[in-house]
Amino acid sequence: MKEQKRKSDNFLLYVPHHSDEIEWEVKKGKVVLIFHHNKLIEKAVRLFVKKPETTTLELDDIGSEVWNLIDGQRTVYEIGQDLKRKFGDTVEPLYERLVMFVKYLNKRRWIYFSRGGDNK
């Protein structure tokens, strides 16, 4: 019974989705995440500290490719296979790096996961 639960809870079978709350665009082939600092506390901080109203974060080539492969259909495993085809050995250790990256994106609430076949 425990063995079956482990297989059904395999992280590589999770399907990542972009959060509706994150704004992003592609510039010169790289994904740029856009953050608007319009919460009340952020507005107050801007009065005292020179902080821009909007900041951006440009992902590198591999990060941009991962972001673009997140389509709500592909599993983490399939994204890894696509990365391997495109970048070869430069992405090794592939799944350790990929899992760490998508978990970070999830922790920041820029993406969320469903299990294969679920919508949310």
C-alpha atoms as a PDB file:
ATOM      1  CA  MET A   1       0.000   0.000   0.000  1.00  0.00           C
ATOM      2  CA  LYS A   2       2.789   2.414   0.919  1.00  0.00           C
ATOM      3  CA  GLU A   3       4.627   1.556  -2.328  1.00  0.00           C
ATOM      4  CA  GLN A   4       1.570   2.462  -4.429  1.00  0.00           C
ATOM      5  CA  LYS A   5       1.129   5.809  -2.643  1.00  0.00           C
ATOM      6  CA  ARG A   6       4.778   6.684  -3.283  1.00  0.00           C
ATOM      7  CA  LYS A   7       4.427   6.031  -7.017  1.00  0.00           C
ATOM      8  CA  SER A   8       1.259   8.115  -7.292  1.00  0.00           C
ATOM      9  CA  ASP A   9       2.941  10.962  -5.384  1.00  0.00           C
ATOM     10  CA  ASN A  10       6.018  11.149  -7.633  1.00  0.00           C
ATOM     11  CA  PHE A  11       6.961  14.840  -7.995  1.00  0.00           C
ATOM     12  CA  LEU A  12       8.068  14.279 -11.594  1.00  0.00           C
ATOM     13  CA  LEU A  13       4.436  13.524 -12.464  1.00  0.00           C
ATOM     14  CA  TYR A  14       3.223  16.915 -11.210  1.00  0.00           C
ATOM     15  CA  VAL A  15       2.068  19.433 -13.824  1.00  0.00           C
ATOM     16  CA  PRO A  16       3.213  23.028 -13.229  1.00  0.00           C
ATOM     17  CA  HIS A  17       0.981  25.986 -14.162  1.00  0.00           C
ATOM     18  CA  HIS A  18       1.756  29.706 -14.248  1.00  0.00           C
ATOM     19  CA  SER A  19       0.043  31.716 -11.538  1.00  0.00           C
ATOM     20  CA  ASP A  20      -2.481  34.260 -12.803  1.00  0.00           C
ATOM     21  CA  GLU A  21      -0.905  36.781 -10.449  1.00  0.00           C
ATOM     22  CA  ILE A  22       2.486  36.879 -12.171  1.00  0.00           C
ATOM     23  CA  GLU A  23       3.093  39.193 -15.110  1.00  0.00           C
ATOM     24  CA  TRP A  24       5.804  38.255 -17.578  1.00  0.00           C
ATOM     25  CA  GLU A  25       7.060  38.875 -21.104  1.00  0.00           C
ATOM     26  CA  VAL A  26       9.762  37.644 -23.435  1.00  0.00           C
ATOM     27  CA  LYS A  27      12.551  40.082 -24.343  1.00  0.00           C
ATOM     28  CA  LYS A  28      15.415  39.045 -26.615  1.00  0.00           C
ATOM     29  CA  GLY A  29      14.518  35.386 -26.139  1.00  0.00           C
ATOM     30  CA  LYS A  30      14.557  35.515 -22.333  1.00  0.00           C
ATOM     31  CA  VAL A  31      11.632  35.523 -19.952  1.00  0.00           C
ATOM     32  CA  VAL A  32      11.322  38.643 -17.807  1.00  0.00           C
ATOM     33  CA  LEU A  33       9.118  38.482 -14.715  1.00  0.00           C
ATOM     34  CA  ILE A  34       7.520  41.823 -13.815  1.00  0.00           C
ATOM     35  CA  PHE A  35       6.667  42.808 -10.254  1.00  0.00           C
ATOM     36  CA  HIS A  36       4.503  45.808  -9.397  1.00  0.00           C
ATOM     37  CA  HIS A  37       5.066  47.158  -5.894  1.00  0.00           C
ATOM     38  CA  ASN A  38       1.617  48.567  -5.258  1.00  0.00           C
ATOM     39  CA  LYS A  39       0.751  47.132  -1.841  1.00  0.00           C
ATOM     40  CA  LEU A  40       0.191  49.708   0.874  1.00  0.00           C
ATOM     41  CA  ILE A  41       3.377  48.835   2.778  1.00  0.00           C
ATOM     42  CA  GLU A  42       5.422  48.963  -0.444  1.00  0.00           C
ATOM     43  CA  LYS A  43       4.009  52.398  -1.265  1.00  0.00           C
ATOM     44  CA  ALA A  44       4.939  53.602   2.214  1.00  0.00           C
ATOM     45  CA  VAL A  45       8.486  52.268   1.856  1.00  0.00           C
ATOM     46  CA  ARG A  46       8.827  54.085  -1.472  1.00  0.00           C
ATOM     47  CA  LEU A  47       8.177  57.389   0.310  1.00  0.00           C
ATOM     48  CA  PHE A  48      11.335  56.930   2.380  1.00  0.00           C
ATOM     49  CA  VAL A  49      13.537  54.773   0.164  1.00  0.00           C
ATOM     50  CA  LYS A  50      14.165  55.237  -3.518  1.00  0.00           C
ATOM     51  CA  LYS A  51      12.529  52.052  -4.673  1.00  0.00           C
ATOM     52  CA  PRO A  52      10.976  51.760  -8.130  1.00  0.00           C
ATOM     53  CA  GLU A  53       7.272  51.131  -8.578  1.00  0.00           C
ATOM     54  CA  THR A  54       8.084  48.133 -10.792  1.00  0.00           C
ATOM     55  CA  THR A  55      11.003  45.722 -10.776  1.00  0.00           C
ATOM     56  CA  THR A  56      11.915  42.922 -13.157  1.00  0.00           C
ATOM     57  CA  LEU A  57      13.736  39.624 -12.980  1.00  0.00           C
ATOM     58  CA  GLU A  58      15.300  38.212 -16.153  1.00  0.00           C
ATOM     59  CA  LEU A  59      15.645  34.435 -16.231  1.00  0.00           C
ATOM     60  CA  ASP A  60      18.692  32.841 -17.853  1.00  0.00           C
ATOM     61  CA  ASP A  61      18.453  30.613 -20.937  1.00  0.00           C
ATOM     62  CA  ILE A  62      17.586  27.432 -19.043  1.00  0.00           C
ATOM     63  CA  GLY A  63      15.201  29.184 -16.654  1.00  0.00           C
ATOM     64  CA  SER A  64      13.473  30.875 -19.588  1.00  0.00           C
ATOM     65  CA  GLU A  65      13.118  27.553 -21.365  1.00  0.00           C
ATOM     66  CA  VAL A  66      11.604  25.959 -18.257  1.00  0.00           C
ATOM     67  CA  TRP A  67       9.184  28.881 -17.909  1.00  0.00           C
ATOM     68  CA  ASN A  68       8.134  28.596 -21.554  1.00  0.00           C
ATOM     69  CA  LEU A  69       7.659  24.831 -21.238  1.00  0.00           C
ATOM     70  CA  ILE A  70       5.262  25.308 -18.324  1.00  0.00           C
ATOM     71  CA  ASP A  71       1.970  25.106 -20.186  1.00  0.00           C
ATOM     72  CA  GLY A  72      -0.340  23.320 -17.762  1.00  0.00           C
ATOM     73  CA  GLN A  73      -0.015  20.126 -19.818  1.00  0.00           C
ATOM     74  CA  ARG A  74       3.573  18.926 -19.445  1.00  0.00           C
ATOM     75  CA  THR A  75       4.740  17.148 -16.314  1.00  0.00           C
ATOM     76  CA  VAL A  76       8.008  18.016 -14.583  1.00  0.00           C
ATOM     77  CA  TYR A  77       9.427  14.838 -16.129  1.00  0.00           C
ATOM     78  CA  GLU A  78       8.425  15.903 -19.670  1.00  0.00           C
ATOM     79  CA  ILE A  79       9.882  19.366 -19.134  1.00  0.00           C
ATOM     80  CA  GLY A  80      13.140  17.689 -18.098  1.00  0.00           C
ATOM     81  CA  GLN A  81      13.143  15.557 -21.247  1.00  0.00           C
ATOM     82  CA  ASP A  82      12.656  18.671 -23.406  1.00  0.00           C
ATOM     83  CA  LEU A  83      15.515  20.422 -21.580  1.00  0.00           C
ATOM     84  CA  LYS A  84      17.782  17.406 -22.138  1.00  0.00           C
ATOM     85  CA  ARG A  85      17.014  17.454 -25.876  1.00  0.00           C
ATOM     86  CA  LYS A  86      17.712  21.184 -26.179  1.00  0.00           C
ATOM     87  CA  PHE A  87      20.679  21.680 -23.829  1.00  0.00           C
ATOM     88  CA  GLY A  88      22.241  18.219 -23.620  1.00  0.00           C
ATOM     89  CA  ASP A  89      24.666  17.554 -20.781  1.00  0.00           C
ATOM     90  CA  THR A  90      24.868  21.211 -19.749  1.00  0.00           C
ATOM     91  CA  VAL A  91      21.693  20.745 -17.663  1.00  0.00           C
ATOM     92  CA  GLU A  92      23.083  17.837 -15.632  1.00  0.00           C
ATOM     93  CA  PRO A  93      22.267  16.909 -12.940  1.00  0.00           C
ATOM     94  CA  LEU A  94      18.977  17.520 -14.714  1.00  0.00           C
ATOM     95  CA  TYR A  95      16.191  16.532 -12.352  1.00  0.00           C
ATOM     96  CA  GLU A  96      17.915  17.724  -9.188  1.00  0.00           C
ATOM     97  CA  ARG A  97      18.295  21.187 -10.716  1.00  0.00           C
ATOM     98  CA  LEU A  98      14.858  21.228 -12.329  1.00  0.00           C
ATOM     99  CA  VAL A  99      13.032  20.128  -9.188  1.00  0.00           C
ATOM    100  CA  MET A 100      14.883  22.712  -7.091  1.00  0.00           C
ATOM    101  CA  PHE A 101      14.026  25.464  -9.594  1.00  0.00           C
ATOM    102  CA  VAL A 102      10.305  24.663  -9.942  1.00  0.00           C
ATOM    103  CA  LYS A 103       9.974  24.283  -6.170  1.00  0.00           C
ATOM    104  CA  TYR A 104      11.508  27.757  -5.805  1.00  0.00           C
ATOM    105  CA  LEU A 105       9.048  29.158  -8.363  1.00  0.00           C
ATOM    106  CA  ASN A 106       6.235  27.497  -6.413  1.00  0.00           C
ATOM    107  CA  LYS A 107       7.496  28.829  -3.074  1.00  0.00           C
ATOM    108  CA  ARG A 108       7.409  32.358  -4.519  1.00  0.00           C
ATOM    109  CA  ARG A 109       3.850  31.590  -5.748  1.00  0.00           C
ATOM    110  CA  TRP A 110       4.788  32.249  -9.354  1.00  0.00           C
ATOM    111  CA  ILE A 111       3.624  28.765 -10.338  1.00  0.00           C
ATOM    112  CA  TYR A 112       1.440  26.074  -8.806  1.00  0.00           C
ATOM    113  CA  PHE A 113       1.123  22.339  -9.390  1.00  0.00           C
ATOM    114  CA  SER A 114      -1.586  19.873 -10.203  1.00  0.00           C
ATOM    115  CA  ARG A 115      -1.178  16.147 -10.316  1.00  0.00           C
ATOM    116  CA  GLY A 116      -1.295  14.665 -13.813  1.00  0.00           C
ATOM    117  CA  GLY A 117      -4.834  15.220 -15.138  1.00  0.00           C
ATOM    118  CA  ASP A 118      -6.029  17.636 -12.401  1.00  0.00           C
ATOM    119  CA  ASN A 119      -6.731  21.271 -13.298  1.00  0.00           C
ATOM    120  CA  LYS A 120      -5.959  22.925  -9.930  1.00  0.00           C
END
